Amino acid sequence: MVRLLTYSLLIKYGFNVKSGKILNPTAVFCNDRDVYYERLAEADIGTDTALLNWCDYVLSGVLGEVTKLNKLLNFDFLLERILLPTLLKSEERRYITRAESRILQAGVRKQSFKAGDINKSFDGLDARQRTHKIAKMKDAGLIKPLKPGGRTYHVSFMNNFLMRSLIQVLESEDFIPPIDR
């Protein structure tokens, strides 16, 4: 009952993912199930202290999630601690080549780019070779055009290999709980 009421209050005050808010209150309850059950069992006692401890647990969890989101909204943090390490990990694991890694690193730094914007990353390739490389990277899902058929791109971490590395980096930075392998 406490969980239902707590969740209802969070939704009432705008922490609802479906309505477009970016904080998912269930993340508070799911990060450490053992602690959650301990706090819930304590709240079941119903004393003022037990209920205050429950509130402290929930609010600390919400604060932790908001703090994480604020970090991710800081582009410098996102770039240096999440995106570039993801690309380096993908390169180390040979999911992407060194050349692809350099192009993607330049791409995430610029956020959106045209081939000409990142010429230095192409290691001396001529225009035809750059076009071919871009086409290969689009086919692999490493980059996507901002508009259908457009020539301005962004790096896509939806590629299976980049996503694997991204999840590992997010785990190592404590943004998501470890996934059992």
N, C-alpha and C. Protein backbone atom coordinates (compact mmCIF):
# COMPACT_ATOMS: atom_id res chain seq x y z
N MET A 1 0.82 -1.18 0.00
CA MET A 1 0.00 0.00 0.00
C MET A 1 0.88 1.27 0.00
N VAL A 2 1.96 1.24 0.79
CA VAL A 2 2.86 2.39 0.85
C VAL A 2 3.46 2.65 -0.52
N ARG A 3 3.86 1.60 -1.21
CA ARG A 3 4.45 1.76 -2.54
C ARG A 3 3.45 2.37 -3.50
N LEU A 4 2.21 1.90 -3.47
CA LEU A 4 1.17 2.42 -4.34
C LEU A 4 0.93 3.90 -4.07
N LEU A 5 0.82 4.28 -2.80
CA LEU A 5 0.60 5.68 -2.45
C LEU A 5 1.80 6.55 -2.85
N THR A 6 3.00 6.05 -2.60
CA THR A 6 4.19 6.79 -2.95
C THR A 6 4.25 7.01 -4.46
N TYR A 7 4.00 5.95 -5.20
CA TYR A 7 4.05 6.04 -6.66
C TYR A 7 2.97 7.01 -7.16
N SER A 8 1.78 6.94 -6.58
CA SER A 8 0.69 7.84 -6.98
C SER A 8 1.05 9.30 -6.73
N LEU A 9 1.67 9.57 -5.60
CA LEU A 9 2.08 10.95 -5.30
C LEU A 9 3.15 11.43 -6.28
N LEU A 10 4.09 10.57 -6.60
CA LEU A 10 5.12 10.96 -7.56
C LEU A 10 4.50 11.29 -8.92
N ILE A 11 3.57 10.48 -9.36
CA ILE A 11 2.90 10.74 -10.64
C ILE A 11 2.10 12.04 -10.56
N LYS A 12 1.39 12.24 -9.45
CA LYS A 12 0.59 13.45 -9.27
C LYS A 12 1.46 14.70 -9.40
N TYR A 13 2.67 14.64 -8.90
CA TYR A 13 3.54 15.81 -8.93
C TYR A 13 4.49 15.85 -10.12
N GLY A 14 4.16 15.09 -11.18
CA GLY A 14 4.85 15.27 -12.44
C GLY A 14 5.99 14.33 -12.76
N PHE A 15 6.20 13.31 -11.97
CA PHE A 15 7.30 12.38 -12.26
C PHE A 15 6.76 11.17 -13.02
N ASN A 16 6.13 11.44 -14.16
CA ASN A 16 5.51 10.39 -14.95
C ASN A 16 6.13 10.35 -16.33
N VAL A 17 6.78 9.26 -16.67
CA VAL A 17 7.47 9.15 -17.95
C VAL A 17 6.49 9.28 -19.11
N LYS A 18 5.29 8.71 -19.00
CA LYS A 18 4.34 8.73 -20.11
C LYS A 18 3.88 10.14 -20.46
N SER A 19 3.88 11.04 -19.51
CA SER A 19 3.44 12.41 -19.82
C SER A 19 4.60 13.28 -20.29
N GLY A 20 5.74 12.68 -20.54
CA GLY A 20 6.85 13.40 -21.11
C GLY A 20 7.91 13.83 -20.10
N LYS A 21 7.75 13.52 -18.86
CA LYS A 21 8.78 13.85 -17.86
C LYS A 21 9.93 12.86 -18.04
N ILE A 22 11.13 13.27 -17.68
CA ILE A 22 12.29 12.41 -17.94
C ILE A 22 12.69 11.56 -16.75
N LEU A 23 12.02 11.72 -15.62
CA LEU A 23 12.37 10.92 -14.45
C LEU A 23 11.38 9.78 -14.32
N ASN A 24 11.89 8.58 -14.20
CA ASN A 24 11.05 7.41 -14.01
C ASN A 24 11.09 7.02 -12.54
N PRO A 25 9.99 7.22 -11.81
CA PRO A 25 10.02 6.92 -10.37
C PRO A 25 10.26 5.46 -10.04
N THR A 26 9.97 4.57 -10.96
CA THR A 26 10.22 3.16 -10.66
C THR A 26 11.72 2.88 -10.55
N ALA A 27 12.55 3.73 -11.13
CA ALA A 27 14.01 3.55 -11.00
C ALA A 27 14.41 3.63 -9.53
N VAL A 28 13.69 4.42 -8.76
CA VAL A 28 13.98 4.54 -7.33
C VAL A 28 13.76 3.21 -6.63
N PHE A 29 12.74 2.49 -7.06
CA PHE A 29 12.37 1.24 -6.39
C PHE A 29 13.13 0.02 -6.91
N CYS A 30 13.73 0.13 -8.06
CA CYS A 30 14.29 -1.07 -8.69
C CYS A 30 15.81 -1.18 -8.65
N ASN A 31 16.52 -0.13 -8.27
CA ASN A 31 17.98 -0.19 -8.31
C ASN A 31 18.56 -1.22 -7.37
N ASP A 32 18.05 -1.31 -6.17
CA ASP A 32 18.53 -2.31 -5.21
C ASP A 32 17.31 -2.92 -4.53
N ARG A 33 16.88 -4.05 -5.04
CA ARG A 33 15.64 -4.68 -4.55
C ARG A 33 15.73 -5.03 -3.07
N ASP A 34 16.89 -5.45 -2.58
CA ASP A 34 17.02 -5.82 -1.17
C ASP A 34 16.77 -4.62 -0.26
N VAL A 35 17.38 -3.49 -0.59
CA VAL A 35 17.16 -2.28 0.21
C VAL A 35 15.70 -1.85 0.12
N TYR A 36 15.14 -1.92 -1.07
CA TYR A 36 13.73 -1.57 -1.25
C TYR A 36 12.84 -2.41 -0.33
N TYR A 37 13.04 -3.72 -0.33
CA TYR A 37 12.21 -4.58 0.52
C TYR A 37 12.42 -4.31 2.01
N GLU A 38 13.66 -4.00 2.38
CA GLU A 38 13.93 -3.64 3.78
C GLU A 38 13.17 -2.38 4.17
N ARG A 39 13.26 -1.36 3.33
CA ARG A 39 12.58 -0.09 3.63
C ARG A 39 11.07 -0.27 3.61
N LEU A 40 10.58 -1.07 2.70
CA LEU A 40 9.14 -1.32 2.60
C LEU A 40 8.64 -2.06 3.83
N ALA A 41 9.40 -3.06 4.26
CA ALA A 41 9.01 -3.81 5.46
C ALA A 41 8.99 -2.89 6.69
N GLU A 42 9.98 -2.01 6.76
CA GLU A 42 10.02 -1.06 7.87
C GLU A 42 8.82 -0.12 7.81
N ALA A 43 8.47 0.35 6.61
CA ALA A 43 7.33 1.26 6.46
C ALA A 43 6.02 0.58 6.85
N ASP A 44 5.95 -0.73 6.66
CA ASP A 44 4.74 -1.48 7.02
C ASP A 44 4.43 -1.40 8.51
N ILE A 45 5.44 -1.09 9.32
CA ILE A 45 5.23 -0.95 10.76
C ILE A 45 4.26 0.20 11.02
N GLY A 46 4.37 1.25 10.24
CA GLY A 46 3.43 2.35 10.30
C GLY A 46 3.73 3.43 11.34
N THR A 47 4.85 3.34 12.02
CA THR A 47 5.19 4.38 13.00
C THR A 47 5.66 5.63 12.27
N ASP A 48 5.65 6.76 12.98
CA ASP A 48 6.13 7.99 12.36
C ASP A 48 7.56 7.85 11.88
N THR A 49 8.41 7.24 12.69
CA THR A 49 9.82 7.05 12.31
C THR A 49 9.93 6.17 11.08
N ALA A 50 9.17 5.10 11.04
CA ALA A 50 9.22 4.18 9.90
C ALA A 50 8.76 4.88 8.62
N LEU A 51 7.70 5.67 8.72
CA LEU A 51 7.21 6.37 7.54
C LEU A 51 8.15 7.49 7.10
N LEU A 52 8.78 8.16 8.06
CA LEU A 52 9.79 9.17 7.71
C LEU A 52 10.99 8.52 7.03
N ASN A 53 11.38 7.34 7.51
CA ASN A 53 12.48 6.62 6.87
C ASN A 53 12.12 6.24 5.44
N TRP A 54 10.86 5.84 5.22
CA TRP A 54 10.39 5.52 3.86
C TRP A 54 10.47 6.76 2.97
N CYS A 55 9.97 7.89 3.49
CA CYS A 55 10.02 9.14 2.73
C CYS A 55 11.46 9.52 2.41
N ASP A 56 12.34 9.38 3.37
CA ASP A 56 13.75 9.68 3.15
C ASP A 56 14.33 8.78 2.06
N TYR A 57 13.98 7.51 2.09
CA TYR A 57 14.44 6.55 1.08
C TYR A 57 13.96 6.97 -0.31
N VAL A 58 12.68 7.28 -0.44
CA VAL A 58 12.12 7.63 -1.74
C VAL A 58 12.70 8.95 -2.24
N LEU A 59 12.73 9.96 -1.36
CA LEU A 59 13.23 11.26 -1.78
C LEU A 59 14.72 11.23 -2.10
N SER A 60 15.48 10.44 -1.36
CA SER A 60 16.90 10.28 -1.69
C SER A 60 17.06 9.63 -3.05
N GLY A 61 16.20 8.65 -3.35
CA GLY A 61 16.24 8.01 -4.66
C GLY A 61 15.88 8.96 -5.78
N VAL A 62 14.84 9.78 -5.56
CA VAL A 62 14.45 10.77 -6.56
C VAL A 62 15.58 11.78 -6.77
N LEU A 63 16.17 12.25 -5.67
CA LEU A 63 17.29 13.19 -5.77
C LEU A 63 18.45 12.56 -6.56
N GLY A 64 18.75 11.31 -6.28
CA GLY A 64 19.82 10.62 -7.01
C GLY A 64 19.54 10.56 -8.51
N GLU A 65 18.29 10.26 -8.87
CA GLU A 65 17.92 10.18 -10.29
C GLU A 65 17.99 11.56 -10.95
N VAL A 66 17.52 12.59 -10.26
CA VAL A 66 17.58 13.95 -10.80
C VAL A 66 19.03 14.38 -10.98
N THR A 67 19.88 14.03 -10.02
CA THR A 67 21.30 14.37 -10.12
C THR A 67 21.93 13.70 -11.34
N LYS A 68 21.60 12.43 -11.56
CA LYS A 68 22.12 11.72 -12.74
C LYS A 68 21.65 12.41 -14.02
N LEU A 69 20.37 12.76 -14.07
CA LEU A 69 19.84 13.41 -15.27
C LEU A 69 20.51 14.75 -15.52
N ASN A 70 20.75 15.50 -14.46
CA ASN A 70 21.44 16.78 -14.62
C ASN A 70 22.84 16.59 -15.19
N LYS A 71 23.52 15.55 -14.76
CA LYS A 71 24.85 15.26 -15.31
C LYS A 71 24.76 14.95 -16.80
N LEU A 72 23.76 14.12 -17.16
CA LEU A 72 23.62 13.74 -18.56
C LEU A 72 23.20 14.91 -19.44
N LEU A 73 22.56 15.90 -18.86
CA LEU A 73 22.16 17.08 -19.62
C LEU A 73 23.30 18.08 -19.80
N ASN A 74 24.40 17.86 -19.10
CA ASN A 74 25.59 18.69 -19.25
C ASN A 74 26.43 18.08 -20.37
N PHE A 75 26.48 18.76 -21.52
CA PHE A 75 27.13 18.16 -22.69
C PHE A 75 28.59 17.81 -22.44
N ASP A 76 29.33 18.65 -21.73
CA ASP A 76 30.74 18.35 -21.49
C ASP A 76 30.89 17.05 -20.70
N PHE A 77 30.05 16.87 -19.67
CA PHE A 77 30.08 15.63 -18.90
C PHE A 77 29.70 14.46 -19.80
N LEU A 78 28.60 14.61 -20.53
CA LEU A 78 28.12 13.54 -21.41
C LEU A 78 29.19 13.14 -22.41
N LEU A 79 29.84 14.12 -23.01
CA LEU A 79 30.87 13.85 -24.00
C LEU A 79 32.06 13.11 -23.39
N GLU A 80 32.61 13.69 -22.32
CA GLU A 80 33.86 13.16 -21.74
C GLU A 80 33.68 11.88 -20.95
N ARG A 81 32.57 11.71 -20.28
CA ARG A 81 32.40 10.56 -19.38
C ARG A 81 31.56 9.43 -19.97
N ILE A 82 30.76 9.74 -21.01
CA ILE A 82 29.87 8.70 -21.55
C ILE A 82 30.15 8.43 -23.03
N LEU A 83 30.03 9.45 -23.87
CA LEU A 83 30.08 9.20 -25.32
C LEU A 83 31.47 8.81 -25.82
N LEU A 84 32.49 9.59 -25.47
CA LEU A 84 33.84 9.24 -25.94
C LEU A 84 34.32 7.91 -25.36
N PRO A 85 34.11 7.64 -24.06
CA PRO A 85 34.48 6.31 -23.55
C PRO A 85 33.72 5.17 -24.23
N THR A 86 32.48 5.42 -24.62
CA THR A 86 31.72 4.39 -25.35
C THR A 86 32.38 4.08 -26.68
N LEU A 87 32.80 5.12 -27.38
CA LEU A 87 33.45 4.90 -28.68
C LEU A 87 34.80 4.21 -28.51
N LEU A 88 35.56 4.61 -27.50
CA LEU A 88 36.86 3.97 -27.25
C LEU A 88 36.68 2.50 -26.86
N LYS A 89 35.68 2.21 -26.05
CA LYS A 89 35.41 0.82 -25.67
C LYS A 89 35.01 0.00 -26.91
N SER A 90 34.20 0.60 -27.77
CA SER A 90 33.79 -0.10 -29.00
C SER A 90 34.99 -0.36 -29.90
N GLU A 91 35.91 0.58 -29.95
CA GLU A 91 37.12 0.38 -30.74
C GLU A 91 38.01 -0.70 -30.12
N GLU A 92 38.18 -0.65 -28.79
CA GLU A 92 38.99 -1.67 -28.10
C GLU A 92 38.45 -3.08 -28.34
N ARG A 93 37.15 -3.20 -28.37
CA ARG A 93 36.52 -4.51 -28.58
C ARG A 93 36.40 -4.87 -30.05
N ARG A 94 36.91 -3.99 -30.90
CA ARG A 94 36.90 -4.19 -32.34
C ARG A 94 35.49 -4.25 -32.94
N TYR A 95 34.55 -3.54 -32.26
CA TYR A 95 33.22 -3.40 -32.83
C TYR A 95 33.26 -2.40 -33.98
N ILE A 96 34.18 -1.42 -33.86
CA ILE A 96 34.36 -0.41 -34.90
C ILE A 96 35.86 -0.29 -35.15
N THR A 97 36.20 0.20 -36.33
CA THR A 97 37.61 0.37 -36.68
C THR A 97 38.15 1.67 -36.07
N ARG A 98 39.45 1.82 -36.11
CA ARG A 98 40.08 3.05 -35.62
C ARG A 98 39.59 4.25 -36.43
N ALA A 99 39.50 4.08 -37.75
CA ALA A 99 39.03 5.17 -38.61
C ALA A 99 37.59 5.55 -38.28
N GLU A 100 36.74 4.55 -38.09
CA GLU A 100 35.34 4.83 -37.71
C GLU A 100 35.28 5.53 -36.36
N SER A 101 36.10 5.09 -35.43
CA SER A 101 36.14 5.70 -34.11
C SER A 101 36.51 7.18 -34.21
N ARG A 102 37.52 7.50 -35.00
CA ARG A 102 37.93 8.91 -35.16
C ARG A 102 36.81 9.75 -35.76
N ILE A 103 36.13 9.21 -36.76
CA ILE A 103 35.03 9.93 -37.40
C ILE A 103 33.89 10.13 -36.39
N LEU A 104 33.55 9.07 -35.65
CA LEU A 104 32.46 9.17 -34.67
C LEU A 104 32.82 10.12 -33.52
N GLN A 105 34.08 10.11 -33.10
CA GLN A 105 34.50 11.04 -32.05
C GLN A 105 34.34 12.48 -32.52
N ALA A 106 34.76 12.76 -33.73
CA ALA A 106 34.58 14.11 -34.28
C ALA A 106 33.09 14.44 -34.39
N GLY A 107 32.31 13.45 -34.79
CA GLY A 107 30.87 13.65 -34.93
C GLY A 107 30.17 13.96 -33.61
N VAL A 108 30.52 13.24 -32.54
CA VAL A 108 29.86 13.52 -31.26
C VAL A 108 30.31 14.87 -30.71
N ARG A 109 31.52 15.27 -30.99
CA ARG A 109 31.98 16.59 -30.53
C ARG A 109 31.18 17.70 -31.21
N LYS A 110 30.90 17.54 -32.49
CA LYS A 110 30.17 18.56 -33.24
C LYS A 110 28.66 18.42 -33.04
N GLN A 111 28.18 17.26 -32.64
CA GLN A 111 26.78 16.91 -32.41
C GLN A 111 26.01 16.66 -33.71
N SER A 112 26.13 17.54 -34.68
CA SER A 112 25.63 17.25 -36.03
C SER A 112 26.71 17.72 -36.99
N PHE A 113 26.87 17.00 -38.08
CA PHE A 113 28.01 17.28 -38.95
C PHE A 113 27.74 16.85 -40.38
N LYS A 114 28.47 17.47 -41.28
CA LYS A 114 28.55 17.06 -42.68
C LYS A 114 29.94 16.47 -42.86
N ALA A 115 30.11 15.70 -43.89
CA ALA A 115 31.41 15.06 -44.13
C ALA A 115 32.53 16.08 -44.16
N GLY A 116 32.29 17.23 -44.78
CA GLY A 116 33.32 18.26 -44.87
C GLY A 116 33.70 18.86 -43.52
N ASP A 117 32.78 18.78 -42.54
CA ASP A 117 33.04 19.34 -41.21
C ASP A 117 34.11 18.56 -40.46
N ILE A 118 34.29 17.31 -40.84
CA ILE A 118 35.21 16.45 -40.09
C ILE A 118 36.29 15.86 -41.00
N ASN A 119 36.71 16.64 -41.98
CA ASN A 119 37.72 16.19 -42.95
C ASN A 119 38.96 15.62 -42.28
N LYS A 120 39.42 16.23 -41.21
CA LYS A 120 40.65 15.77 -40.55
C LYS A 120 40.52 14.34 -40.05
N SER A 121 39.31 13.90 -39.78
CA SER A 121 39.09 12.55 -39.25
C SER A 121 39.14 11.48 -40.33
N PHE A 122 39.15 11.89 -41.58
CA PHE A 122 39.13 10.93 -42.68
C PHE A 122 40.51 10.46 -43.12
N ASP A 123 41.55 10.86 -42.42
CA ASP A 123 42.92 10.39 -42.70
C ASP A 123 43.31 10.49 -44.17
N GLY A 124 43.07 11.65 -44.79
CA GLY A 124 43.54 11.88 -46.14
C GLY A 124 42.73 11.23 -47.25
N LEU A 125 41.54 10.75 -46.96
CA LEU A 125 40.71 10.16 -48.01
C LEU A 125 40.23 11.25 -48.95
N ASP A 126 40.11 10.92 -50.25
CA ASP A 126 39.58 11.90 -51.19
C ASP A 126 38.06 11.94 -51.07
N ALA A 127 37.42 12.84 -51.79
CA ALA A 127 35.97 13.07 -51.67
C ALA A 127 35.17 11.80 -51.95
N ARG A 128 35.56 11.05 -52.98
CA ARG A 128 34.84 9.82 -53.32
C ARG A 128 34.97 8.79 -52.20
N GLN A 129 36.17 8.66 -51.65
CA GLN A 129 36.39 7.71 -50.55
C GLN A 129 35.63 8.13 -49.29
N ARG A 130 35.58 9.43 -49.02
CA ARG A 130 34.81 9.92 -47.86
C ARG A 130 33.33 9.58 -48.03
N THR A 131 32.82 9.81 -49.24
CA THR A 131 31.41 9.51 -49.52
C THR A 131 31.13 8.03 -49.30
N HIS A 132 32.05 7.19 -49.78
CA HIS A 132 31.91 5.74 -49.59
C HIS A 132 31.93 5.37 -48.10
N LYS A 133 32.85 5.98 -47.35
CA LYS A 133 32.97 5.70 -45.91
C LYS A 133 31.70 6.12 -45.17
N ILE A 134 31.18 7.29 -45.51
CA ILE A 134 29.93 7.76 -44.90
C ILE A 134 28.80 6.79 -45.20
N ALA A 135 28.70 6.35 -46.45
CA ALA A 135 27.65 5.40 -46.85
C ALA A 135 27.76 4.10 -46.05
N LYS A 136 28.98 3.60 -45.88
CA LYS A 136 29.19 2.38 -45.09
C LYS A 136 28.76 2.58 -43.64
N MET A 137 29.09 3.73 -43.08
CA MET A 137 28.75 4.00 -41.68
C MET A 137 27.24 4.18 -41.52
N LYS A 138 26.59 4.77 -42.52
CA LYS A 138 25.12 4.87 -42.49
C LYS A 138 24.50 3.48 -42.55
N ASP A 139 24.99 2.64 -43.45
CA ASP A 139 24.47 1.28 -43.59
C ASP A 139 24.65 0.47 -42.30
N ALA A 140 25.74 0.72 -41.59
CA ALA A 140 26.00 0.01 -40.35
C ALA A 140 25.21 0.58 -39.17
N GLY A 141 24.52 1.70 -39.41
CA GLY A 141 23.74 2.32 -38.34
C GLY A 141 24.58 3.13 -37.36
N LEU A 142 25.82 3.44 -37.73
CA LEU A 142 26.70 4.21 -36.85
C LEU A 142 26.36 5.70 -36.90
N ILE A 143 25.91 6.15 -38.06
CA ILE A 143 25.46 7.54 -38.19
C ILE A 143 24.12 7.54 -38.91
N LYS A 144 23.36 8.60 -38.69
CA LYS A 144 22.06 8.74 -39.35
C LYS A 144 21.91 10.19 -39.79
N PRO A 145 21.26 10.39 -40.94
CA PRO A 145 21.00 11.77 -41.37
C PRO A 145 19.95 12.40 -40.46
N LEU A 146 20.08 13.72 -40.24
CA LEU A 146 19.09 14.41 -39.41
C LEU A 146 17.72 14.40 -40.07
N LYS A 147 17.71 14.49 -41.42
CA LYS A 147 16.46 14.44 -42.19
C LYS A 147 16.61 13.31 -43.21
N PRO A 148 15.52 12.66 -43.57
CA PRO A 148 15.62 11.61 -44.60
C PRO A 148 16.29 12.15 -45.86
N GLY A 149 17.31 11.46 -46.31
CA GLY A 149 18.03 11.84 -47.51
C GLY A 149 18.99 13.01 -47.33
N GLY A 150 19.09 13.54 -46.11
CA GLY A 150 19.95 14.68 -45.85
C GLY A 150 21.41 14.29 -45.77
N ARG A 151 22.26 15.31 -45.78
CA ARG A 151 23.70 15.08 -45.72
C ARG A 151 24.32 15.66 -44.45
N THR A 152 23.46 15.97 -43.50
CA THR A 152 23.91 16.37 -42.17
C THR A 152 23.56 15.21 -41.25
N TYR A 153 24.55 14.75 -40.48
CA TYR A 153 24.41 13.50 -39.73
C TYR A 153 24.57 13.72 -38.22
N HIS A 154 24.17 12.70 -37.50
CA HIS A 154 24.48 12.60 -36.07
C HIS A 154 24.92 11.17 -35.80
N VAL A 155 25.68 10.98 -34.75
CA VAL A 155 26.12 9.64 -34.37
C VAL A 155 24.94 8.93 -33.73
N SER A 156 24.73 7.69 -34.12
CA SER A 156 23.63 6.90 -33.58
C SER A 156 24.19 5.79 -32.68
N PHE A 157 23.82 5.84 -31.44
CA PHE A 157 24.25 4.80 -30.51
C PHE A 157 23.26 3.64 -30.48
N MET A 158 22.32 3.65 -31.41
CA MET A 158 21.35 2.56 -31.51
C MET A 158 21.93 1.34 -32.23
N ASN A 159 23.10 1.50 -32.80
CA ASN A 159 23.80 0.37 -33.39
C ASN A 159 24.06 -0.66 -32.28
N ASN A 160 23.83 -1.92 -32.55
CA ASN A 160 23.97 -2.96 -31.52
C ASN A 160 25.32 -2.93 -30.82
N PHE A 161 26.38 -2.71 -31.58
CA PHE A 161 27.71 -2.75 -30.99
C PHE A 161 27.98 -1.51 -30.13
N LEU A 162 27.58 -0.34 -30.62
CA LEU A 162 27.76 0.87 -29.82
C LEU A 162 26.88 0.81 -28.57
N MET A 163 25.68 0.26 -28.71
CA MET A 163 24.77 0.15 -27.57
C MET A 163 25.37 -0.73 -26.48
N ARG A 164 26.01 -1.82 -26.86
CA ARG A 164 26.65 -2.70 -25.87
C ARG A 164 27.69 -1.93 -25.05
N SER A 165 28.51 -1.18 -25.75
CA SER A 165 29.54 -0.39 -25.07
C SER A 165 28.92 0.72 -24.24
N LEU A 166 27.88 1.35 -24.75
CA LEU A 166 27.20 2.42 -24.01
C LEU A 166 26.64 1.88 -22.70
N ILE A 167 26.02 0.73 -22.73
CA ILE A 167 25.47 0.13 -21.51
C ILE A 167 26.59 -0.14 -20.51
N GLN A 168 27.71 -0.64 -20.97
CA GLN A 168 28.83 -0.90 -20.06
C GLN A 168 29.36 0.38 -19.45
N VAL A 169 29.45 1.45 -20.23
CA VAL A 169 29.92 2.73 -19.69
C VAL A 169 28.91 3.28 -18.70
N LEU A 170 27.64 3.22 -19.02
CA LEU A 170 26.61 3.70 -18.09
C LEU A 170 26.63 2.90 -16.78
N GLU A 171 26.87 1.61 -16.87
CA GLU A 171 27.01 0.79 -15.66
C GLU A 171 28.22 1.24 -14.85
N SER A 172 29.35 1.44 -15.51
CA SER A 172 30.57 1.80 -14.79
C SER A 172 30.47 3.19 -14.16
N GLU A 173 29.63 4.05 -14.71
CA GLU A 173 29.42 5.39 -14.15
C GLU A 173 28.23 5.42 -13.19
N ASP A 174 27.66 4.26 -12.87
CA ASP A 174 26.53 4.13 -11.94
C ASP A 174 25.26 4.84 -12.39
N PHE A 175 25.05 4.91 -13.70
CA PHE A 175 23.81 5.48 -14.20
C PHE A 175 22.72 4.42 -14.31
N ILE A 176 23.11 3.19 -14.47
CA ILE A 176 22.16 2.09 -14.50
C ILE A 176 22.73 0.97 -13.63
N PRO A 177 21.85 0.16 -13.04
CA PRO A 177 22.36 -0.94 -12.23
C PRO A 177 23.03 -1.98 -13.13
N PRO A 178 23.98 -2.72 -12.58
CA PRO A 178 24.66 -3.75 -13.39
C PRO A 178 23.65 -4.76 -13.96
N ILE A 179 23.89 -5.13 -15.19
CA ILE A 179 23.05 -6.12 -15.84
C ILE A 179 23.73 -7.47 -15.66
N ASP A 180 22.98 -8.44 -15.15
CA ASP A 180 23.54 -9.78 -14.97
C ASP A 180 23.86 -10.37 -16.33
N ARG A 181 25.08 -10.84 -16.46
CA ARG A 181 25.49 -11.43 -17.75
C ARG A 181 25.54 -12.91 -17.64
